[in-house]
Amino acid sequence: MINEKSLYSSFPPLEKALDEPNGLLAVGGDLSPQRLIEAYRKGIFPWFNENEPIFWWSPNPRMVLFPQELKISRSLRKTLHKNCYQVRTDTAFNQVMHACAAPRKGQSGTWIHPEMIAAYTALHDMGLAHSVETWIDDELVGGLYGIALGKVFFGESMFSRLTDASKIAFVHLVKQLQYWEFGLIDCQVKTHHLASLGAREISRLNFSQHLETLITDGEIGDKWNFERMLLEIF
């Protein structure tokens, strides 16, 4: 692990990450777009509480979803067939981030604080960070946000105000990424929620190898628009 002074040059090799706490690689630096893009290209992400220094992580193993391995449960498929919702992209990025930051049962705080919201909003303005939103009667009821680099989507957080609302957004995201020939969705760390959708753990080394293949030099961002035909077929 390296300290703040060293971060002004670059991140250390991933093998320098600590085993405990799992994946802690560096401390300090800033959340500038350039720093964040460099971090994600290397499989590193920031995660820290408000009023703390910035902690940078690269856990081992890494939770990922290969888009073609998406699993849709019978109950979720029934919900998708009801078609009582609308899925939108990049229309309420700030709202989605604030909803993801809201206190959750069993949690005393949030790592999605104003500094993080400002940093990812800057990436959104560059067309690199995106939101996928579930709406019912023009009310935002669920969604997620993350960063797209090359053919990789780095998921950051999701929220749900109604049953399956975040899963609806996630399934539509994966279907679109399949169509766009994305190779990987980064889910960071294991959760039952993501495992139920087909995500699994791979080694840090394997994850890095996928990033080298799927992320090309130079990132050109743009606002997302999903193909309507994909949203209607499940």
Protein backbone atom coordinates (compact mmCIF):
# COMPACT_ATOMS: atom_id res chain seq x y z
CA MET A 1 0.00 0.00 0.00
CA ILE A 2 1.19 3.56 -0.66
CA ASN A 3 0.42 6.85 1.02
CA GLU A 4 -0.97 10.14 -0.24
CA LYS A 5 2.36 11.58 -1.34
CA SER A 6 3.05 8.68 -3.69
CA LEU A 7 -0.41 8.93 -5.26
CA TYR A 8 0.56 12.07 -7.13
CA SER A 9 2.56 9.89 -9.53
CA SER A 10 0.47 6.76 -10.06
CA PHE A 11 -1.14 3.79 -8.35
CA PRO A 12 1.06 0.95 -7.11
CA PRO A 13 0.91 -2.54 -8.65
CA LEU A 14 -2.26 -4.38 -7.69
CA GLU A 15 -0.30 -7.15 -5.99
CA LYS A 16 0.65 -4.58 -3.34
CA ALA A 17 -2.96 -4.50 -2.11
CA LEU A 18 -3.46 -5.70 1.45
CA ASP A 19 -5.04 -9.02 2.32
CA GLU A 20 -6.63 -7.42 5.39
CA PRO A 21 -8.58 -5.30 4.91
CA ASN A 22 -9.09 -7.10 1.64
CA GLY A 23 -7.93 -5.03 -1.32
CA LEU A 24 -6.80 -1.79 0.32
CA LEU A 25 -4.18 -0.47 -2.10
CA ALA A 26 -3.60 3.23 -1.47
CA VAL A 27 -4.66 6.23 0.60
CA GLY A 28 -4.99 9.86 -0.46
CA GLY A 29 -4.98 11.64 -3.79
CA ASP A 30 -8.11 13.20 -5.25
CA LEU A 31 -11.29 12.34 -7.14
CA SER A 32 -10.51 14.22 -10.34
CA PRO A 33 -11.89 12.68 -13.54
CA GLN A 34 -8.37 11.84 -14.67
CA ARG A 35 -7.60 10.04 -11.41
CA LEU A 36 -10.87 8.10 -11.44
CA ILE A 37 -10.48 7.03 -15.07
CA GLU A 38 -6.93 5.85 -14.37
CA ALA A 39 -8.14 3.94 -11.32
CA TYR A 40 -11.01 2.15 -13.04
CA ARG A 41 -8.89 1.23 -16.03
CA LYS A 42 -6.63 -0.60 -13.56
CA GLY A 43 -9.47 -2.19 -11.59
CA ILE A 44 -9.25 0.18 -8.62
CA PHE A 45 -12.13 2.08 -7.03
CA PRO A 46 -12.51 4.62 -4.18
CA TRP A 47 -14.52 3.79 -1.09
CA PHE A 48 -14.35 5.91 2.05
CA ASN A 49 -16.55 7.68 4.57
CA GLU A 50 -17.10 11.41 4.66
CA ASN A 51 -14.29 13.37 6.36
CA GLU A 52 -11.87 10.47 5.88
CA PRO A 53 -8.92 10.33 3.47
CA ILE A 54 -9.65 8.63 0.16
CA PHE A 55 -9.14 4.86 0.32
CA TRP A 56 -8.49 3.02 -2.96
CA TRP A 57 -9.40 -0.66 -3.29
CA SER A 58 -8.78 -3.66 -5.52
CA PRO A 59 -10.27 -6.68 -3.71
CA ASN A 60 -9.37 -10.29 -4.37
CA PRO A 61 -11.47 -12.11 -5.44
CA ARG A 62 -13.58 -9.75 -7.56
CA MET A 63 -17.32 -10.13 -8.08
CA VAL A 64 -18.26 -9.83 -11.76
CA LEU A 65 -21.07 -10.67 -14.13
CA PHE A 66 -20.33 -11.85 -17.64
CA PRO A 67 -23.37 -10.46 -19.49
CA GLN A 68 -24.18 -13.78 -21.19
CA GLU A 69 -24.42 -15.44 -17.75
CA LEU A 70 -27.35 -13.32 -16.56
CA LYS A 71 -29.91 -15.30 -14.56
CA ILE A 72 -33.53 -14.18 -14.41
CA SER A 73 -35.62 -15.95 -11.78
CA ARG A 74 -39.15 -17.09 -12.53
CA SER A 75 -40.64 -14.46 -10.22
CA LEU A 76 -38.54 -11.67 -11.73
CA ARG A 77 -39.47 -12.78 -15.24
CA LYS A 78 -43.15 -12.50 -14.28
CA THR A 79 -42.53 -8.96 -13.06
CA LEU A 80 -40.76 -8.08 -16.31
CA HIS A 81 -43.68 -9.45 -18.34
CA LYS A 82 -46.15 -7.24 -16.48
CA ASN A 83 -44.56 -4.24 -18.20
CA CYS A 84 -46.01 -1.84 -15.63
CA TYR A 85 -42.81 0.20 -15.53
CA GLN A 86 -40.60 2.30 -17.78
CA VAL A 87 -36.82 2.06 -17.91
CA ARG A 88 -34.92 5.23 -18.73
CA THR A 89 -31.22 6.02 -18.98
CA ASP A 90 -29.29 9.12 -17.96
CA THR A 91 -32.39 11.19 -17.22
CA ALA A 92 -31.99 11.40 -13.42
CA PHE A 93 -28.35 10.64 -12.61
CA ASN A 94 -28.20 12.96 -9.61
CA GLN A 95 -31.47 11.59 -8.22
CA VAL A 96 -30.20 8.04 -8.54
CA MET A 97 -26.98 8.84 -6.70
CA HIS A 98 -28.85 10.56 -3.88
CA ALA A 99 -31.28 7.64 -3.64
CA CYS A 100 -28.37 5.20 -3.43
CA ALA A 101 -26.89 7.37 -0.68
CA ALA A 102 -30.03 7.25 1.48
CA PRO A 103 -29.67 5.41 4.82
CA ARG A 104 -30.40 1.69 4.66
CA LYS A 105 -31.54 -0.76 7.27
CA GLY A 106 -28.62 -1.91 9.38
CA GLN A 107 -26.27 0.85 8.16
CA SER A 108 -25.25 3.86 10.21
CA GLY A 109 -23.88 5.96 7.35
CA THR A 110 -23.07 6.09 3.66
CA TRP A 111 -19.95 6.23 1.51
CA ILE A 112 -21.90 8.10 -1.20
CA HIS A 113 -21.38 11.55 0.26
CA PRO A 114 -21.26 14.99 -1.44
CA GLU A 115 -17.61 14.62 -2.52
CA MET A 116 -18.37 11.31 -4.26
CA ILE A 117 -21.56 12.65 -5.83
CA ALA A 118 -19.69 15.63 -7.27
CA ALA A 119 -16.92 13.40 -8.65
CA TYR A 120 -19.24 10.95 -10.40
CA THR A 121 -21.48 13.72 -11.65
CA ALA A 122 -18.41 15.16 -13.39
CA LEU A 123 -17.89 11.78 -15.07
CA HIS A 124 -21.57 11.74 -16.01
CA ASP A 125 -21.18 15.16 -17.64
CA MET A 126 -18.32 13.64 -19.66
CA GLY A 127 -20.57 10.79 -20.80
CA LEU A 128 -18.66 8.14 -18.84
CA ALA A 129 -20.91 7.61 -15.82
CA HIS A 130 -24.47 6.48 -16.42
CA SER A 131 -27.72 5.82 -14.61
CA VAL A 132 -30.35 3.22 -15.44
CA GLU A 133 -33.69 4.09 -13.87
CA THR A 134 -36.96 2.29 -13.18
CA TRP A 135 -40.02 4.55 -13.30
CA ILE A 136 -43.68 3.90 -12.53
CA ASP A 137 -46.17 6.66 -13.32
CA ASP A 138 -43.30 9.16 -13.59
CA GLU A 139 -42.02 8.23 -10.12
CA LEU A 140 -38.44 7.02 -9.74
CA VAL A 141 -38.72 3.71 -7.85
CA GLY A 142 -35.35 2.06 -8.46
CA GLY A 143 -32.14 2.20 -10.39
CA LEU A 144 -28.38 2.00 -10.49
CA TYR A 145 -25.33 3.92 -11.65
CA GLY A 146 -21.81 3.12 -12.76
CA ILE A 147 -19.01 3.88 -15.19
CA ALA A 148 -18.54 2.56 -18.73
CA LEU A 149 -15.01 2.27 -20.11
CA GLY A 150 -14.41 0.36 -23.31
CA LYS A 151 -16.50 -2.81 -23.13
CA VAL A 152 -16.66 -2.88 -19.32
CA PHE A 153 -19.37 -1.47 -17.06
CA PHE A 154 -18.25 -0.78 -13.49
CA GLY A 155 -21.34 -0.93 -11.30
CA GLU A 156 -21.27 1.34 -8.27
CA SER A 157 -24.56 1.16 -6.41
CA MET A 158 -28.27 0.49 -6.80
CA PHE A 159 -31.44 1.24 -4.88
CA SER A 160 -35.02 0.03 -4.79
CA ARG A 161 -38.17 1.60 -3.37
CA LEU A 162 -40.40 -1.20 -4.65
CA THR A 163 -39.82 -4.94 -4.89
CA ASP A 164 -37.53 -5.84 -7.81
CA ALA A 165 -37.22 -2.21 -8.98
CA SER A 166 -33.41 -2.29 -8.95
CA LYS A 167 -33.37 -5.75 -10.54
CA ILE A 168 -35.55 -4.48 -13.38
CA ALA A 169 -33.01 -1.75 -14.10
CA PHE A 170 -30.14 -4.22 -13.84
CA VAL A 171 -31.68 -6.76 -16.22
CA HIS A 172 -32.36 -4.07 -18.81
CA LEU A 173 -28.78 -2.86 -18.41
CA VAL A 174 -27.38 -6.34 -18.98
CA LYS A 175 -29.59 -6.97 -22.01
CA GLN A 176 -28.39 -3.73 -23.59
CA LEU A 177 -24.75 -4.49 -22.78
CA GLN A 178 -25.16 -7.88 -24.43
CA TYR A 179 -26.38 -6.09 -27.56
CA TRP A 180 -23.44 -3.68 -27.41
CA GLU A 181 -21.06 -6.64 -26.96
CA PHE A 182 -19.76 -5.62 -23.55
CA GLY A 183 -17.62 -8.35 -22.05
CA LEU A 184 -17.82 -7.68 -18.31
CA ILE A 185 -19.78 -5.99 -15.54
CA ASP A 186 -17.79 -5.24 -12.39
CA CYS A 187 -19.80 -5.83 -9.22
CA GLN A 188 -16.81 -5.23 -6.87
CA VAL A 189 -17.64 -7.48 -3.90
CA LYS A 190 -19.92 -10.46 -3.37
CA THR A 191 -23.55 -9.96 -2.41
CA HIS A 192 -26.43 -12.44 -2.44
CA HIS A 193 -28.45 -9.95 -4.50
CA LEU A 194 -25.92 -9.97 -7.36
CA ALA A 195 -25.14 -13.67 -7.08
CA SER A 196 -28.84 -14.40 -7.63
CA LEU A 197 -28.55 -12.59 -10.97
CA GLY A 198 -25.59 -14.67 -12.14
CA ALA A 199 -22.59 -12.76 -10.83
CA ARG A 200 -19.61 -14.77 -9.59
CA GLU A 201 -16.15 -14.25 -8.15
CA ILE A 202 -12.93 -14.37 -10.18
CA SER A 203 -9.35 -13.71 -9.14
CA ARG A 204 -7.88 -10.21 -9.19
CA LEU A 205 -5.37 -11.37 -11.82
CA ASN A 206 -8.11 -12.73 -14.06
CA PHE A 207 -10.08 -9.52 -13.63
CA SER A 208 -7.06 -7.41 -14.63
CA GLN A 209 -6.52 -9.56 -17.71
CA HIS A 210 -10.11 -8.95 -18.80
CA LEU A 211 -9.67 -5.18 -18.36
CA GLU A 212 -6.55 -5.16 -20.52
CA THR A 213 -8.49 -6.86 -23.30
CA LEU A 214 -11.77 -4.96 -23.03
CA ILE A 215 -10.68 -1.36 -22.35
CA THR A 216 -9.05 0.46 -25.26
CA ASP A 217 -6.96 3.63 -25.26
CA GLY A 218 -8.93 6.86 -25.21
CA GLU A 219 -12.45 7.01 -23.84
CA ILE A 220 -15.19 8.89 -25.68
CA GLY A 221 -18.31 9.24 -23.59
CA ASP A 222 -21.86 9.91 -24.66
CA LYS A 223 -25.36 9.87 -23.24
CA TRP A 224 -26.92 6.42 -23.29
CA ASN A 225 -30.08 5.45 -25.14
CA PHE A 226 -31.26 1.85 -24.88
CA GLU A 227 -32.73 0.02 -27.85
CA ARG A 228 -36.50 -0.09 -27.33
CA MET A 229 -36.80 -3.53 -28.88
CA LEU A 230 -34.55 -4.94 -26.17
CA LEU A 231 -36.69 -3.43 -23.43
CA GLU A 232 -39.79 -5.21 -24.65
CA ILE A 233 -38.50 -8.77 -25.10
CA PHE A 234 -37.80 -11.07 -22.16
